[in-house]
Amino acid sequence: MDYLMRGDIDFTEQEWEAIDHKVVETAKTVLTGRKFIDIYGPLGAGIEMLKTYDITGSNPVISEIPMLSADFTLTWRELEAARRTGIPLSLSQVAAAAYQCALQEDKMIFLGDKEAGIKGLTTETGVKKVKITGWNEGENAFTAVAEGLQYMLENDTYGDKVLAVSPDVYAGLQRIQPGTGTLESERIGKLLEGGIYRTPVLPAQTAVLVATGSHNLDLAIGQDMITGYLGSSELNYDFRVFETVLLRIKNKKAIIVYGK
């Protein structure tokens, strides 16, 4: 993997392993889309373009796989101190970059990327959109999700269903439905094979019902999240955490967006 330029810096294998571990560990705490969207790949860093077919296996669309990235710097003082004292190198800068890169991925999945011309779950054209009304009271949320599931069934849309919600919607579902002794989130969760997920990238008062499975959508990965060396500046060392990923929506009836 010469393109990572790891051979251009005097880092031990253990130091690179620590960085890689921190990147993966941090990303896992952030990423929501990957918890329910099927992964296609990794295909390799050199893959630039990819075809997406709709659920009928026709109407291919060719899209570029965008690169998402965040940079960080390790100072020479930090490195020298760690090596001389044997104290583990602080990897907080690494974690911050991995966090930003992972957040970019979820934003692309849920909101799309206008500059790259990529549609997300909430911005895809042609998907069913429903006004979100009073989800923090009564059985409105339960009824809306049940109706969404019925819509998918009537349109021959199969796959485990999940509900992704904004933090405020999730908080509103943490209430006991009168007469049931059960949290509203638990009642709705019983309708869904895949459960409920919350993500901070969704705008307030937003939820997305998704029928999962690679026949409906997937996340194509060229290069999975990794760190490359950029070079040195003022005796310090610059790095980039990056990945190449693309959301491929194949069945628009597998997505229902609830919003304002």
C-alpha atoms as a PDB file:
ATOM      1  CA  MET A   1       0.000   0.000   0.000  1.00  0.00           C
ATOM      2  CA  ASP A   2       2.611   2.530  -1.171  1.00  0.00           C
ATOM      3  CA  TYR A   3      -0.068   5.167  -1.690  1.00  0.00           C
ATOM      4  CA  LEU A   4      -0.258   5.453   2.118  1.00  0.00           C
ATOM      5  CA  MET A   5       3.409   6.571   2.141  1.00  0.00           C
ATOM      6  CA  ARG A   6       3.970   4.801   5.449  1.00  0.00           C
ATOM      7  CA  GLY A   7       7.509   3.961   4.439  1.00  0.00           C
ATOM      8  CA  ASP A   8       8.352   7.671   4.331  1.00  0.00           C
ATOM      9  CA  ILE A   9       8.218   8.050   8.121  1.00  0.00           C
ATOM     10  CA  ASP A  10      10.266   6.324  10.796  1.00  0.00           C
ATOM     11  CA  PHE A  11       7.347   4.703  12.615  1.00  0.00           C
ATOM     12  CA  THR A  12       7.504   1.275  14.159  1.00  0.00           C
ATOM     13  CA  GLU A  13       4.977  -1.403  13.278  1.00  0.00           C
ATOM     14  CA  GLN A  14       3.584  -1.092  16.806  1.00  0.00           C
ATOM     15  CA  GLU A  15       3.029   2.662  16.405  1.00  0.00           C
ATOM     16  CA  TRP A  16       1.116   2.151  13.159  1.00  0.00           C
ATOM     17  CA  GLU A  17      -0.908  -0.638  14.756  1.00  0.00           C
ATOM     18  CA  ALA A  18      -1.858   1.697  17.619  1.00  0.00           C
ATOM     19  CA  ILE A  19      -3.013   4.357  15.154  1.00  0.00           C
ATOM     20  CA  ASP A  20      -4.998   1.862  13.074  1.00  0.00           C
ATOM     21  CA  HIS A  21      -6.621   0.416  16.189  1.00  0.00           C
ATOM     22  CA  LYS A  22      -7.633   3.867  17.425  1.00  0.00           C
ATOM     23  CA  VAL A  23      -9.166   4.764  14.045  1.00  0.00           C
ATOM     24  CA  VAL A  24     -11.277   1.597  13.919  1.00  0.00           C
ATOM     25  CA  GLU A  25     -12.210   1.794  17.597  1.00  0.00           C
ATOM     26  CA  THR A  26     -13.372   5.425  17.272  1.00  0.00           C
ATOM     27  CA  ALA A  27     -15.236   4.921  13.993  1.00  0.00           C
ATOM     28  CA  LYS A  28     -17.245   2.048  15.456  1.00  0.00           C
ATOM     29  CA  THR A  29     -18.605   4.331  18.196  1.00  0.00           C
ATOM     30  CA  VAL A  30     -19.843   6.845  15.595  1.00  0.00           C
ATOM     31  CA  LEU A  31     -21.051   4.947  12.529  1.00  0.00           C
ATOM     32  CA  THR A  32     -24.788   4.246  12.422  1.00  0.00           C
ATOM     33  CA  GLY A  33     -25.491   3.494   8.769  1.00  0.00           C
ATOM     34  CA  ARG A  34     -23.153   0.500   8.727  1.00  0.00           C
ATOM     35  CA  LYS A  35     -25.113  -1.106  11.544  1.00  0.00           C
ATOM     36  CA  PHE A  36     -27.998  -1.902   9.210  1.00  0.00           C
ATOM     37  CA  ILE A  37     -26.849  -1.325   5.612  1.00  0.00           C
ATOM     38  CA  ASP A  38     -25.201  -4.244   3.796  1.00  0.00           C
ATOM     39  CA  ILE A  39     -21.555  -3.693   2.862  1.00  0.00           C
ATOM     40  CA  TYR A  40     -20.276  -4.296  -0.671  1.00  0.00           C
ATOM     41  CA  GLY A  41     -16.499  -4.523  -0.620  1.00  0.00           C
ATOM     42  CA  PRO A  42     -13.865  -3.422   0.200  1.00  0.00           C
ATOM     43  CA  LEU A  43     -13.176  -3.304  -3.526  1.00  0.00           C
ATOM     44  CA  GLY A  44      -9.774  -1.598  -3.396  1.00  0.00           C
ATOM     45  CA  ALA A  45      -8.554   1.979  -3.244  1.00  0.00           C
ATOM     46  CA  GLY A  46      -8.127   2.232  -7.013  1.00  0.00           C
ATOM     47  CA  ILE A  47     -11.838   1.756  -7.783  1.00  0.00           C
ATOM     48  CA  GLU A  48     -13.186   5.150  -8.868  1.00  0.00           C
ATOM     49  CA  MET A  49     -16.501   4.414 -10.587  1.00  0.00           C
ATOM     50  CA  LEU A  50     -19.270   1.953  -9.834  1.00  0.00           C
ATOM     51  CA  LYS A  51     -22.549   0.909 -11.436  1.00  0.00           C
ATOM     52  CA  THR A  52     -25.807   0.861  -9.514  1.00  0.00           C
ATOM     53  CA  TYR A  53     -28.721  -1.197 -10.841  1.00  0.00           C
ATOM     54  CA  ASP A  54     -32.284  -0.792  -9.641  1.00  0.00           C
ATOM     55  CA  ILE A  55     -34.130  -3.689  -8.017  1.00  0.00           C
ATOM     56  CA  THR A  56     -35.192  -5.044 -11.418  1.00  0.00           C
ATOM     57  CA  GLY A  57     -31.548  -5.413 -12.412  1.00  0.00           C
ATOM     58  CA  SER A  58     -31.782  -2.742 -15.081  1.00  0.00           C
ATOM     59  CA  ASN A  59     -31.372   1.031 -15.530  1.00  0.00           C
ATOM     60  CA  PRO A  60     -27.690   1.171 -14.476  1.00  0.00           C
ATOM     61  CA  VAL A  61     -26.311   4.459 -13.181  1.00  0.00           C
ATOM     62  CA  ILE A  62     -22.551   5.032 -13.056  1.00  0.00           C
ATOM     63  CA  SER A  63     -21.341   7.020 -10.044  1.00  0.00           C
ATOM     64  CA  GLU A  64     -17.974   8.104  -8.738  1.00  0.00           C
ATOM     65  CA  ILE A  65     -17.002   6.762  -5.319  1.00  0.00           C
ATOM     66  CA  PRO A  66     -16.191   9.874  -3.262  1.00  0.00           C
ATOM     67  CA  MET A  67     -13.318  10.105  -0.811  1.00  0.00           C
ATOM     68  CA  LEU A  68     -14.072  11.234   2.733  1.00  0.00           C
ATOM     69  CA  SER A  69     -11.181  12.412   4.888  1.00  0.00           C
ATOM     70  CA  ALA A  70      -9.945  14.284   7.940  1.00  0.00           C
ATOM     71  CA  ASP A  71      -6.370  15.285   8.762  1.00  0.00           C
ATOM     72  CA  PHE A  72      -4.395  15.333  11.986  1.00  0.00           C
ATOM     73  CA  THR A  73      -0.891  16.251  13.138  1.00  0.00           C
ATOM     74  CA  LEU A  74       1.449  14.611  15.627  1.00  0.00           C
ATOM     75  CA  THR A  75       4.164  16.910  16.955  1.00  0.00           C
ATOM     76  CA  TRP A  76       7.795  15.895  17.144  1.00  0.00           C
ATOM     77  CA  ARG A  77       7.794  16.735  20.853  1.00  0.00           C
ATOM     78  CA  GLU A  78       4.970  14.249  21.516  1.00  0.00           C
ATOM     79  CA  LEU A  79       6.760  11.520  19.600  1.00  0.00           C
ATOM     80  CA  GLU A  80      10.129  12.125  21.226  1.00  0.00           C
ATOM     81  CA  ALA A  81       8.612  12.232  24.715  1.00  0.00           C
ATOM     82  CA  ALA A  82       6.734   8.971  24.132  1.00  0.00           C
ATOM     83  CA  ARG A  83       9.778   7.179  22.773  1.00  0.00           C
ATOM     84  CA  ARG A  84      12.171   8.391  25.479  1.00  0.00           C
ATOM     85  CA  THR A  85       9.890   7.781  28.459  1.00  0.00           C
ATOM     86  CA  GLY A  86       8.051   4.714  27.221  1.00  0.00           C
ATOM     87  CA  ILE A  87       4.735   6.421  27.941  1.00  0.00           C
ATOM     88  CA  PRO A  88       2.131   5.539  25.269  1.00  0.00           C
ATOM     89  CA  LEU A  89       1.685   8.215  22.634  1.00  0.00           C
ATOM     90  CA  SER A  90      -1.506  10.239  23.057  1.00  0.00           C
ATOM     91  CA  LEU A  91      -3.812   9.405  20.150  1.00  0.00           C
ATOM     92  CA  SER A  92      -6.520  11.980  20.838  1.00  0.00           C
ATOM     93  CA  GLN A  93      -5.762  13.733  17.522  1.00  0.00           C
ATOM     94  CA  VAL A  94      -6.123  10.415  15.727  1.00  0.00           C
ATOM     95  CA  ALA A  95      -9.478   9.791  17.412  1.00  0.00           C
ATOM     96  CA  ALA A  96     -10.705  13.289  16.499  1.00  0.00           C
ATOM     97  CA  ALA A  97      -9.876  12.762  12.813  1.00  0.00           C
ATOM     98  CA  ALA A  98     -11.484   9.315  12.781  1.00  0.00           C
ATOM     99  CA  TYR A  99     -14.589  10.783  14.416  1.00  0.00           C
ATOM    100  CA  GLN A 100     -14.869  13.475  11.738  1.00  0.00           C
ATOM    101  CA  CYS A 101     -14.368  10.976   8.914  1.00  0.00           C
ATOM    102  CA  ALA A 102     -17.000   8.618  10.335  1.00  0.00           C
ATOM    103  CA  LEU A 103     -19.411  11.512  10.793  1.00  0.00           C
ATOM    104  CA  GLN A 104     -18.933  12.446   7.137  1.00  0.00           C
ATOM    105  CA  GLU A 105     -19.872   8.908   6.163  1.00  0.00           C
ATOM    106  CA  ASP A 106     -23.122   8.977   8.111  1.00  0.00           C
ATOM    107  CA  LYS A 107     -23.961  12.432   6.726  1.00  0.00           C
ATOM    108  CA  MET A 108     -23.491  11.088   3.210  1.00  0.00           C
ATOM    109  CA  ILE A 109     -25.660   8.056   3.961  1.00  0.00           C
ATOM    110  CA  PHE A 110     -28.536   9.965   5.523  1.00  0.00           C
ATOM    111  CA  LEU A 111     -28.282  13.411   3.892  1.00  0.00           C
ATOM    112  CA  GLY A 112     -26.314  12.823   0.698  1.00  0.00           C
ATOM    113  CA  ASP A 113     -23.549  15.032  -0.683  1.00  0.00           C
ATOM    114  CA  LYS A 114     -24.612  17.875  -2.976  1.00  0.00           C
ATOM    115  CA  GLU A 115     -21.093  18.616  -4.217  1.00  0.00           C
ATOM    116  CA  ALA A 116     -20.540  14.996  -5.197  1.00  0.00           C
ATOM    117  CA  GLY A 117     -24.063  14.679  -6.635  1.00  0.00           C
ATOM    118  CA  ILE A 118     -24.935  11.851  -4.246  1.00  0.00           C
ATOM    119  CA  LYS A 119     -28.399  11.385  -2.765  1.00  0.00           C
ATOM    120  CA  GLY A 120     -28.873  10.126   0.775  1.00  0.00           C
ATOM    121  CA  LEU A 121     -31.738   8.258   2.420  1.00  0.00           C
ATOM    122  CA  THR A 122     -33.614  11.482   3.232  1.00  0.00           C
ATOM    123  CA  THR A 123     -32.759  13.333   0.015  1.00  0.00           C
ATOM    124  CA  GLU A 124     -33.308  10.626  -2.599  1.00  0.00           C
ATOM    125  CA  THR A 125     -35.944  11.620  -5.150  1.00  0.00           C
ATOM    126  CA  GLY A 126     -38.991   9.413  -5.561  1.00  0.00           C
ATOM    127  CA  VAL A 127     -39.062   7.968  -2.040  1.00  0.00           C
ATOM    128  CA  LYS A 128     -42.249   8.191   0.037  1.00  0.00           C
ATOM    129  CA  LYS A 129     -42.314  11.173   2.401  1.00  0.00           C
ATOM    130  CA  VAL A 130     -44.705  11.531   5.330  1.00  0.00           C
ATOM    131  CA  LYS A 131     -45.220  14.524   7.592  1.00  0.00           C
ATOM    132  CA  ILE A 132     -44.174  13.733  11.147  1.00  0.00           C
ATOM    133  CA  THR A 133     -46.995  14.733  13.494  1.00  0.00           C
ATOM    134  CA  GLY A 134     -47.162  14.369  17.258  1.00  0.00           C
ATOM    135  CA  TRP A 135     -44.722  11.487  17.598  1.00  0.00           C
ATOM    136  CA  ASN A 136     -44.129  12.450  21.226  1.00  0.00           C
ATOM    137  CA  GLU A 137     -47.734  11.793  22.210  1.00  0.00           C
ATOM    138  CA  GLY A 138     -50.442   9.163  21.862  1.00  0.00           C
ATOM    139  CA  GLU A 139     -49.953   6.361  19.347  1.00  0.00           C
ATOM    140  CA  ASN A 140     -49.018   8.635  16.466  1.00  0.00           C
ATOM    141  CA  ALA A 141     -45.504   7.255  16.038  1.00  0.00           C
ATOM    142  CA  PHE A 142     -46.617   3.628  16.333  1.00  0.00           C
ATOM    143  CA  THR A 143     -49.414   4.180  13.814  1.00  0.00           C
ATOM    144  CA  ALA A 144     -47.130   5.991  11.345  1.00  0.00           C
ATOM    145  CA  VAL A 145     -44.557   3.198  11.405  1.00  0.00           C
ATOM    146  CA  ALA A 146     -47.249   0.502  11.122  1.00  0.00           C
ATOM    147  CA  GLU A 147     -48.693   2.266   8.090  1.00  0.00           C
ATOM    148  CA  GLY A 148     -45.213   2.528   6.585  1.00  0.00           C
ATOM    149  CA  LEU A 149     -44.708  -1.202   6.979  1.00  0.00           C
ATOM    150  CA  GLN A 150     -48.064  -1.826   5.335  1.00  0.00           C
ATOM    151  CA  TYR A 151     -47.022   0.400   2.404  1.00  0.00           C
ATOM    152  CA  MET A 152     -43.835  -1.624   1.932  1.00  0.00           C
ATOM    153  CA  LEU A 153     -45.736  -4.898   2.072  1.00  0.00           C
ATOM    154  CA  GLU A 154     -48.257  -3.687  -0.507  1.00  0.00           C
ATOM    155  CA  ASN A 155     -45.356  -2.708  -2.781  1.00  0.00           C
ATOM    156  CA  ASP A 156     -43.580  -6.079  -2.494  1.00  0.00           C
ATOM    157  CA  THR A 157     -40.686  -4.568  -0.539  1.00  0.00           C
ATOM    158  CA  TYR A 158     -38.966  -7.138   1.632  1.00  0.00           C
ATOM    159  CA  GLY A 159     -36.026  -7.189   4.029  1.00  0.00           C
ATOM    160  CA  ASP A 160     -35.546  -6.558   7.741  1.00  0.00           C
ATOM    161  CA  LYS A 161     -37.012  -3.185   8.656  1.00  0.00           C
ATOM    162  CA  VAL A 162     -35.180  -0.583  10.750  1.00  0.00           C
ATOM    163  CA  LEU A 163     -36.091   2.884  11.947  1.00  0.00           C
ATOM    164  CA  ALA A 164     -33.386   5.564  12.157  1.00  0.00           C
ATOM    165  CA  VAL A 165     -34.381   8.677  14.109  1.00  0.00           C
ATOM    166  CA  SER A 166     -32.999  12.041  15.163  1.00  0.00           C
ATOM    167  CA  PRO A 167     -32.039  12.430  18.848  1.00  0.00           C
ATOM    168  CA  ASP A 168     -35.154  14.459  19.719  1.00  0.00           C
ATOM    169  CA  VAL A 169     -37.472  11.880  18.152  1.00  0.00           C
ATOM    170  CA  TYR A 170     -35.679   9.106  20.029  1.00  0.00           C
ATOM    171  CA  ALA A 171     -36.073  10.989  23.301  1.00  0.00           C
ATOM    172  CA  GLY A 172     -39.784  11.470  22.601  1.00  0.00           C
ATOM    173  CA  LEU A 173     -40.230   7.710  22.203  1.00  0.00           C
ATOM    174  CA  GLN A 174     -38.796   7.032  25.661  1.00  0.00           C
ATOM    175  CA  ARG A 175     -42.179   7.321  27.352  1.00  0.00           C
ATOM    176  CA  ILE A 176     -44.564   4.733  28.679  1.00  0.00           C
ATOM    177  CA  GLN A 177     -47.676   4.379  26.576  1.00  0.00           C
ATOM    178  CA  PRO A 178     -50.703   4.648  28.936  1.00  0.00           C
ATOM    179  CA  GLY A 179     -52.373   1.338  29.587  1.00  0.00           C
ATOM    180  CA  THR A 180     -49.466  -0.736  28.266  1.00  0.00           C
ATOM    181  CA  GLY A 181     -46.678  -0.342  30.826  1.00  0.00           C
ATOM    182  CA  THR A 182     -44.289  -0.373  27.844  1.00  0.00           C
ATOM    183  CA  LEU A 183     -42.031   2.298  26.391  1.00  0.00           C
ATOM    184  CA  GLU A 184     -43.261   3.545  23.031  1.00  0.00           C
ATOM    185  CA  SER A 185     -39.824   2.772  21.555  1.00  0.00           C
ATOM    186  CA  GLU A 186     -40.196  -0.858  22.678  1.00  0.00           C
ATOM    187  CA  ARG A 187     -43.671  -1.134  21.135  1.00  0.00           C
ATOM    188  CA  ILE A 188     -42.386   0.190  17.823  1.00  0.00           C
ATOM    189  CA  GLY A 189     -39.258  -1.946  18.087  1.00  0.00           C
ATOM    190  CA  LYS A 190     -41.414  -5.063  18.161  1.00  0.00           C
ATOM    191  CA  LEU A 191     -42.698  -4.151  14.690  1.00  0.00           C
ATOM    192  CA  LEU A 192     -39.163  -4.011  13.300  1.00  0.00           C
ATOM    193  CA  GLU A 193     -36.856  -6.954  12.728  1.00  0.00           C
ATOM    194  CA  GLY A 194     -33.818  -4.667  12.772  1.00  0.00           C
ATOM    195  CA  GLY A 195     -34.694  -2.307  15.617  1.00  0.00           C
ATOM    196  CA  ILE A 196     -34.376   1.451  16.152  1.00  0.00           C
ATOM    197  CA  TYR A 197     -31.228   3.536  15.681  1.00  0.00           C
ATOM    198  CA  ARG A 198     -30.561   7.157  16.566  1.00  0.00           C
ATOM    199  CA  THR A 199     -28.080   9.365  14.779  1.00  0.00           C
ATOM    200  CA  PRO A 200     -27.078  12.996  15.360  1.00  0.00           C
ATOM    201  CA  VAL A 201     -26.752  13.675  11.630  1.00  0.00           C
ATOM    202  CA  LEU A 202     -30.532  13.632  11.092  1.00  0.00           C
ATOM    203  CA  PRO A 203     -32.232  17.031  11.491  1.00  0.00           C
ATOM    204  CA  ALA A 204     -34.693  17.511  14.344  1.00  0.00           C
ATOM    205  CA  GLN A 205     -38.074  15.827  13.898  1.00  0.00           C
ATOM    206  CA  THR A 206     -36.827  13.354  11.307  1.00  0.00           C
ATOM    207  CA  ALA A 207     -37.090   9.580  11.024  1.00  0.00           C
ATOM    208  CA  VAL A 208     -36.363   7.104   8.237  1.00  0.00           C
ATOM    209  CA  LEU A 209     -37.950   3.688   7.847  1.00  0.00           C
ATOM    210  CA  VAL A 210     -35.726   1.385   5.778  1.00  0.00           C
ATOM    211  CA  ALA A 211     -36.164  -2.114   4.388  1.00  0.00           C
ATOM    212  CA  THR A 212     -32.620  -3.460   4.481  1.00  0.00           C
ATOM    213  CA  GLY A 213     -30.876  -6.024   2.301  1.00  0.00           C
ATOM    214  CA  SER A 214     -28.478  -5.624  -0.625  1.00  0.00           C
ATOM    215  CA  HIS A 215     -31.378  -5.975  -3.080  1.00  0.00           C
ATOM    216  CA  ASN A 216     -32.710  -2.670  -1.695  1.00  0.00           C
ATOM    217  CA  LEU A 217     -29.522  -0.745  -0.936  1.00  0.00           C
ATOM    218  CA  ASP A 218     -25.907  -1.190   0.056  1.00  0.00           C
ATOM    219  CA  LEU A 219     -22.790   0.732   1.025  1.00  0.00           C
ATOM    220  CA  ALA A 220     -20.034   0.209  -1.519  1.00  0.00           C
ATOM    221  CA  ILE A 221     -16.552   0.553  -0.042  1.00  0.00           C
ATOM    222  CA  GLY A 222     -13.460   1.035  -2.159  1.00  0.00           C
ATOM    223  CA  GLN A 223     -10.856   1.713   0.519  1.00  0.00           C
ATOM    224  CA  ASP A 224     -12.095   1.234   4.053  1.00  0.00           C
ATOM    225  CA  MET A 225     -11.095   3.781   6.677  1.00  0.00           C
ATOM    226  CA  ILE A 226      -7.312   3.937   7.033  1.00  0.00           C
ATOM    227  CA  THR A 227      -4.503   6.392   7.781  1.00  0.00           C
ATOM    228  CA  GLY A 228      -1.894   7.637   5.333  1.00  0.00           C
ATOM    229  CA  TYR A 229       1.177   9.817   5.887  1.00  0.00           C
ATOM    230  CA  LEU A 230       1.109  13.220   4.169  1.00  0.00           C
ATOM    231  CA  GLY A 231       4.553  14.551   5.066  1.00  0.00           C
ATOM    232  CA  SER A 232       6.250  16.781   7.614  1.00  0.00           C
ATOM    233  CA  SER A 233       5.883  20.484   8.298  1.00  0.00           C
ATOM    234  CA  GLU A 234       7.848  22.482  10.866  1.00  0.00           C
ATOM    235  CA  LEU A 235       9.293  19.213  12.241  1.00  0.00           C
ATOM    236  CA  ASN A 236       5.788  17.864  12.882  1.00  0.00           C
ATOM    237  CA  TYR A 237       4.091  14.967  11.078  1.00  0.00           C
ATOM    238  CA  ASP A 238       0.862  15.274   9.092  1.00  0.00           C
ATOM    239  CA  PHE A 239      -1.547  12.396   8.458  1.00  0.00           C
ATOM    240  CA  ARG A 240      -4.889  11.779   6.770  1.00  0.00           C
ATOM    241  CA  VAL A 241      -7.658   9.416   7.824  1.00  0.00           C
ATOM    242  CA  PHE A 242      -9.675   8.605   4.720  1.00  0.00           C
ATOM    243  CA  GLU A 243     -12.021   6.181   3.000  1.00  0.00           C
ATOM    244  CA  THR A 244     -13.857   5.859  -0.303  1.00  0.00           C
ATOM    245  CA  VAL A 245     -17.537   4.935   0.064  1.00  0.00           C
ATOM    246  CA  LEU A 246     -20.768   5.205  -1.900  1.00  0.00           C
ATOM    247  CA  LEU A 247     -24.391   4.629  -0.865  1.00  0.00           C
ATOM    248  CA  ARG A 248     -26.261   2.753  -3.603  1.00  0.00           C
ATOM    249  CA  ILE A 249     -30.054   2.933  -3.415  1.00  0.00           C
ATOM    250  CA  LYS A 250     -31.648   0.307  -5.641  1.00  0.00           C
ATOM    251  CA  ASN A 251     -35.265   0.252  -4.455  1.00  0.00           C
ATOM    252  CA  LYS A 252     -36.851   3.596  -3.627  1.00  0.00           C
ATOM    253  CA  LYS A 253     -39.889   1.907  -2.100  1.00  0.00           C
ATOM    254  CA  ALA A 254     -37.559   0.561   0.603  1.00  0.00           C
ATOM    255  CA  ILE A 255     -37.299   4.045   2.134  1.00  0.00           C
ATOM    256  CA  ILE A 256     -39.918   6.155   3.883  1.00  0.00           C
ATOM    257  CA  VAL A 257     -38.893   9.548   5.249  1.00  0.00           C
ATOM    258  CA  TYR A 258     -40.835  11.130   8.114  1.00  0.00           C
ATOM    259  CA  GLY A 259     -40.149  14.835   8.557  1.00  0.00           C
ATOM    260  CA  LYS A 260     -41.482  18.333   9.055  1.00  0.00           C
END
